[in-house]
């Protein structure tokens, strides 16, 4: 099974998003609950976009 290039791109974007969110979280002093909520929403959106590519 070959690794899908779109999946590699999504993983890269997720890491970039997490890095950027961590910087914003330090500036805004968000708690771990808010940080976790944003990450869960991001994961759901990424999975929704990724599953759309298979249709």
PDB file of N, CA and C in Angstrom:
ATOM      1  N   UNK A   1       0.841  -1.194   0.000  1.00  0.00           N
ATOM      2  CA  UNK A   1       0.000   0.000   0.000  1.00  0.00           C
ATOM      3  C   UNK A   1       0.883   1.252   0.000  1.00  0.00           C
ATOM      4  N   UNK A   2       0.734   2.059  -1.012  1.00  0.00           N
ATOM      5  CA  UNK A   2       1.521   3.288  -1.113  1.00  0.00           C
ATOM      6  C   UNK A   2       0.934   4.362  -0.203  1.00  0.00           C
ATOM      7  N   UNK A   3       1.807   5.183   0.320  1.00  0.00           N
ATOM      8  CA  UNK A   3       1.358   6.274   1.178  1.00  0.00           C
ATOM      9  C   UNK A   3       0.809   7.390   0.292  1.00  0.00           C
ATOM     10  N   UNK A   4      -0.397   7.822   0.591  1.00  0.00           N
ATOM     11  CA  UNK A   4      -1.048   8.870  -0.189  1.00  0.00           C
ATOM     12  C   UNK A   4      -0.356  10.214   0.059  1.00  0.00           C
ATOM     13  N   UNK A   5      -0.029  10.920  -1.009  1.00  0.00           N
ATOM     14  CA  UNK A   5       0.646  12.217  -0.861  1.00  0.00           C
ATOM     15  C   UNK A   5      -0.251  13.236  -0.162  1.00  0.00           C
ATOM     16  N   UNK A   6      -1.570  13.110  -0.346  1.00  0.00           N
ATOM     17  CA  UNK A   6      -2.488  14.008   0.346  1.00  0.00           C
ATOM     18  C   UNK A   6      -2.451  13.803   1.852  1.00  0.00           C
ATOM     19  N   UNK A   7      -2.266  12.548   2.257  1.00  0.00           N
ATOM     20  CA  UNK A   7      -2.180  12.254   3.691  1.00  0.00           C
ATOM     21  C   UNK A   7      -0.905  12.845   4.281  1.00  0.00           C
ATOM     22  N   UNK A   8       0.199  12.760   3.547  1.00  0.00           N
ATOM     23  CA  UNK A   8       1.458  13.350   4.001  1.00  0.00           C
ATOM     24  C   UNK A   8       1.288  14.859   4.166  1.00  0.00           C
ATOM     25  N   UNK A   9       0.606  15.486   3.192  1.00  0.00           N
ATOM     26  CA  UNK A   9       0.354  16.926   3.272  1.00  0.00           C
ATOM     27  C   UNK A   9      -0.500  17.270   4.483  1.00  0.00           C
ATOM     28  N   UNK A  10      -1.534  16.466   4.757  1.00  0.00           N
ATOM     29  CA  UNK A  10      -2.393  16.726   5.910  1.00  0.00           C
ATOM     30  C   UNK A  10      -1.631  16.588   7.221  1.00  0.00           C
ATOM     31  N   UNK A  11      -0.753  15.590   7.307  1.00  0.00           N
ATOM     32  CA  UNK A  11       0.061  15.424   8.525  1.00  0.00           C
ATOM     33  C   UNK A  11       0.971  16.629   8.705  1.00  0.00           C
ATOM     34  N   UNK A  12       1.597  17.080   7.606  1.00  0.00           N
ATOM     35  CA  UNK A  12       2.461  18.254   7.672  1.00  0.00           C
ATOM     36  C   UNK A  12       1.675  19.483   8.115  1.00  0.00           C
ATOM     37  N   UNK A  13       0.491  19.681   7.530  1.00  0.00           N
ATOM     38  CA  UNK A  13      -0.339  20.822   7.916  1.00  0.00           C
ATOM     39  C   UNK A  13      -0.779  20.732   9.374  1.00  0.00           C
ATOM     40  N   UNK A  14      -1.063  19.512   9.836  1.00  0.00           N
ATOM     41  CA  UNK A  14      -1.468  19.330  11.238  1.00  0.00           C
ATOM     42  C   UNK A  14      -0.331  19.711  12.181  1.00  0.00           C
ATOM     43  N   UNK A  15       0.903  19.306  11.844  1.00  0.00           N
ATOM     44  CA  UNK A  15       2.058  19.665  12.673  1.00  0.00           C
ATOM     45  C   UNK A  15       2.286  21.175  12.666  1.00  0.00           C
ATOM     46  N   UNK A  16       2.154  21.782  11.481  1.00  0.00           N
ATOM     47  CA  UNK A  16       2.316  23.228  11.363  1.00  0.00           C
ATOM     48  C   UNK A  16       1.244  23.950  12.172  1.00  0.00           C
ATOM     49  N   UNK A  17       0.005  23.456  12.105  1.00  0.00           N
ATOM     50  CA  UNK A  17      -1.111  24.042  12.855  1.00  0.00           C
ATOM     51  C   UNK A  17      -0.865  23.922  14.357  1.00  0.00           C
ATOM     52  N   UNK A  18      -0.391  22.749  14.802  1.00  0.00           N
ATOM     53  CA  UNK A  18      -0.129  22.533  16.232  1.00  0.00           C
ATOM     54  C   UNK A  18       0.968  23.469  16.716  1.00  0.00           C
ATOM     55  N   UNK A  19       2.012  23.654  15.902  1.00  0.00           N
ATOM     56  CA  UNK A  19       3.106  24.555  16.269  1.00  0.00           C
ATOM     57  C   UNK A  19       2.595  25.991  16.392  1.00  0.00           C
ATOM     58  N   UNK A  20       1.810  26.426  15.385  1.00  0.00           N
ATOM     59  CA  UNK A  20       1.262  27.780  15.410  1.00  0.00           C
ATOM     60  C   UNK A  20       0.286  27.985  16.563  1.00  0.00           C
ATOM     61  N   UNK A  21      -0.539  26.970  16.825  1.00  0.00           N
ATOM     62  CA  UNK A  21      -1.504  27.057  17.911  1.00  0.00           C
ATOM     63  C   UNK A  21      -0.798  27.150  19.267  1.00  0.00           C
ATOM     64  N   UNK A  22       0.313  26.447  19.396  1.00  0.00           N
ATOM     65  CA  UNK A  22       1.073  26.496  20.634  1.00  0.00           C
ATOM     66  C   UNK A  22       1.603  27.908  20.886  1.00  0.00           C
ATOM     67  N   UNK A  23       2.069  28.582  19.826  1.00  0.00           N
ATOM     68  CA  UNK A  23       2.547  29.965  19.964  1.00  0.00           C
ATOM     69  C   UNK A  23       1.404  30.900  20.345  1.00  0.00           C
ATOM     70  N   UNK A  24       0.247  30.718  19.691  1.00  0.00           N
ATOM     71  CA  UNK A  24      -0.924  31.561  19.994  1.00  0.00           C
ATOM     72  C   UNK A  24      -1.406  31.303  21.417  1.00  0.00           C
ATOM     73  N   UNK A  25      -1.353  30.020  21.816  1.00  0.00           N
ATOM     74  CA  UNK A  25      -1.810  29.659  23.167  1.00  0.00           C
ATOM     75  C   UNK A  25      -0.944  30.339  24.222  1.00  0.00           C
ATOM     76  N   UNK A  26       0.359  30.430  23.964  1.00  0.00           N
ATOM     77  CA  UNK A  26       1.238  31.110  24.927  1.00  0.00           C
ATOM     78  C   UNK A  26       0.920  32.595  24.996  1.00  0.00           C
ATOM     79  N   UNK A  27       0.615  33.204  23.831  1.00  0.00           N
ATOM     80  CA  UNK A  27       0.300  34.639  23.812  1.00  0.00           C
ATOM     81  C   UNK A  27      -1.017  34.930  24.520  1.00  0.00           C
ATOM     82  N   UNK A  28      -2.047  34.097  24.254  1.00  0.00           N
ATOM     83  CA  UNK A  28      -3.380  34.343  24.808  1.00  0.00           C
ATOM     84  C   UNK A  28      -3.585  33.690  26.174  1.00  0.00           C
ATOM     85  N   UNK A  29      -2.615  32.873  26.601  1.00  0.00           N
ATOM     86  CA  UNK A  29      -2.693  32.144  27.873  1.00  0.00           C
ATOM     87  C   UNK A  29      -3.956  31.278  27.956  1.00  0.00           C
ATOM     88  N   UNK A  30      -4.193  30.476  26.899  1.00  0.00           N
ATOM     89  CA  UNK A  30      -5.336  29.558  26.896  1.00  0.00           C
ATOM     90  C   UNK A  30      -5.044  28.371  27.802  1.00  0.00           C
ATOM     91  N   UNK A  31      -6.061  27.853  28.435  1.00  0.00           N
ATOM     92  CA  UNK A  31      -5.899  26.682  29.283  1.00  0.00           C
ATOM     93  C   UNK A  31      -5.838  25.414  28.452  1.00  0.00           C
ATOM     94  N   UNK A  32      -5.482  24.304  29.090  1.00  0.00           N
ATOM     95  CA  UNK A  32      -5.388  23.035  28.359  1.00  0.00           C
ATOM     96  C   UNK A  32      -6.729  22.555  27.795  1.00  0.00           C
ATOM     97  N   UNK A  33      -7.836  22.934  28.435  1.00  0.00           N
ATOM     98  CA  UNK A  33      -9.151  22.532  27.947  1.00  0.00           C
ATOM     99  C   UNK A  33      -9.472  23.220  26.614  1.00  0.00           C
ATOM    100  N   UNK A  34      -9.188  24.513  26.523  1.00  0.00           N
ATOM    101  CA  UNK A  34      -9.409  25.253  25.278  1.00  0.00           C
ATOM    102  C   UNK A  34      -8.489  24.717  24.186  1.00  0.00           C
ATOM    103  N   UNK A  35      -7.240  24.437  24.550  1.00  0.00           N
ATOM    104  CA  UNK A  35      -6.274  23.913  23.589  1.00  0.00           C
ATOM    105  C   UNK A  35      -6.730  22.561  23.045  1.00  0.00           C
ATOM    106  N   UNK A  36      -7.181  21.691  23.934  1.00  0.00           N
ATOM    107  CA  UNK A  36      -7.678  20.377  23.531  1.00  0.00           C
ATOM    108  C   UNK A  36      -8.919  20.491  22.652  1.00  0.00           C
ATOM    109  N   UNK A  37      -9.803  21.427  22.981  1.00  0.00           N
ATOM    110  CA  UNK A  37     -11.011  21.631  22.182  1.00  0.00           C
ATOM    111  C   UNK A  37     -10.689  22.071  20.767  1.00  0.00           C
ATOM    112  N   UNK A  38      -9.741  22.987  20.631  1.00  0.00           N
ATOM    113  CA  UNK A  38      -9.338  23.452  19.299  1.00  0.00           C
ATOM    114  C   UNK A  38      -8.709  22.309  18.509  1.00  0.00           C
ATOM    115  N   UNK A  39      -7.885  21.478  19.163  1.00  0.00           N
ATOM    116  CA  UNK A  39      -7.243  20.363  18.480  1.00  0.00           C
ATOM    117  C   UNK A  39      -8.278  19.333  18.020  1.00  0.00           C
ATOM    118  N   UNK A  40      -9.288  19.054  18.855  1.00  0.00           N
ATOM    119  CA  UNK A  40     -10.330  18.088  18.481  1.00  0.00           C
ATOM    120  C   UNK A  40     -11.117  18.597  17.272  1.00  0.00           C
ATOM    121  N   UNK A  41     -11.478  19.883  17.274  1.00  0.00           N
ATOM    122  CA  UNK A  41     -12.192  20.471  16.139  1.00  0.00           C
ATOM    123  C   UNK A  41     -11.336  20.377  14.878  1.00  0.00           C
ATOM    124  N   UNK A  42     -10.038  20.679  15.010  1.00  0.00           N
ATOM    125  CA  UNK A  42      -9.139  20.622  13.855  1.00  0.00           C
ATOM    126  C   UNK A  42      -9.050  19.199  13.297  1.00  0.00           C
ATOM    127  N   UNK A  43      -8.937  18.205  14.188  1.00  0.00           N
ATOM    128  CA  UNK A  43      -8.851  16.801  13.751  1.00  0.00           C
ATOM    129  C   UNK A  43     -10.126  16.393  13.008  1.00  0.00           C
ATOM    130  N   UNK A  44     -11.287  16.794  13.532  1.00  0.00           N
ATOM    131  CA  UNK A  44     -12.556  16.461  12.880  1.00  0.00           C
ATOM    132  C   UNK A  44     -12.632  17.095  11.487  1.00  0.00           C
ATOM    133  N   UNK A  45     -12.209  18.355  11.370  1.00  0.00           N
ATOM    134  CA  UNK A  45     -12.229  19.043  10.075  1.00  0.00           C
ATOM    135  C   UNK A  45     -11.283  18.367   9.090  1.00  0.00           C
ATOM    136  N   UNK A  46     -10.073  18.015   9.550  1.00  0.00           N
ATOM    137  CA  UNK A  46      -9.095  17.355   8.673  1.00  0.00           C
ATOM    138  C   UNK A  46      -9.629  16.004   8.201  1.00  0.00           C
ATOM    139  N   UNK A  47     -10.213  15.231   9.102  1.00  0.00           N
ATOM    140  CA  UNK A  47     -10.774  13.934   8.705  1.00  0.00           C
ATOM    141  C   UNK A  47     -11.926  14.106   7.720  1.00  0.00           C
ATOM    142  N   UNK A  48     -12.750  15.128   7.927  1.00  0.00           N
ATOM    143  CA  UNK A  48     -13.863  15.382   7.005  1.00  0.00           C
ATOM    144  C   UNK A  48     -13.339  15.733   5.613  1.00  0.00           C
ATOM    145  N   UNK A  49     -12.308  16.571   5.552  1.00  0.00           N
ATOM    146  CA  UNK A  49     -11.721  16.947   4.259  1.00  0.00           C
ATOM    147  C   UNK A  49     -11.079  15.730   3.603  1.00  0.00           C
ATOM    148  N   UNK A  50     -10.360  14.936   4.417  1.00  0.00           N
ATOM    149  CA  UNK A  50      -9.651  13.774   3.876  1.00  0.00           C
ATOM    150  C   UNK A  50     -10.612  12.725   3.322  1.00  0.00           C
ATOM    151  N   UNK A  51     -11.738  12.497   4.002  1.00  0.00           N
ATOM    152  CA  UNK A  51     -12.705  11.510   3.519  1.00  0.00           C
ATOM    153  C   UNK A  51     -13.411  12.005   2.256  1.00  0.00           C
ATOM    154  N   UNK A  52     -13.510  13.320   2.067  1.00  0.00           N
ATOM    155  CA  UNK A  52     -14.123  13.854   0.852  1.00  0.00           C
ATOM    156  C   UNK A  52     -13.304  13.532  -0.390  1.00  0.00           C
ATOM    157  N   UNK A  53     -11.986  13.347  -0.215  1.00  0.00           N
ATOM    158  CA  UNK A  53     -11.120  13.083  -1.372  1.00  0.00           C
ATOM    159  C   UNK A  53     -11.345  11.675  -1.918  1.00  0.00           C
ATOM    160  N   UNK A  54     -11.994  10.789  -1.165  1.00  0.00           N
ATOM    161  CA  UNK A  54     -12.219   9.420  -1.625  1.00  0.00           C
ATOM    162  C   UNK A  54     -13.520   9.261  -2.401  1.00  0.00           C
ATOM    163  N   UNK A  55     -14.353  10.305  -2.449  1.00  0.00           N
ATOM    164  CA  UNK A  55     -15.637  10.200  -3.146  1.00  0.00           C
ATOM    165  C   UNK A  55     -15.489  10.508  -4.607  1.00  0.00           C
TER     166      UNK A  55
END
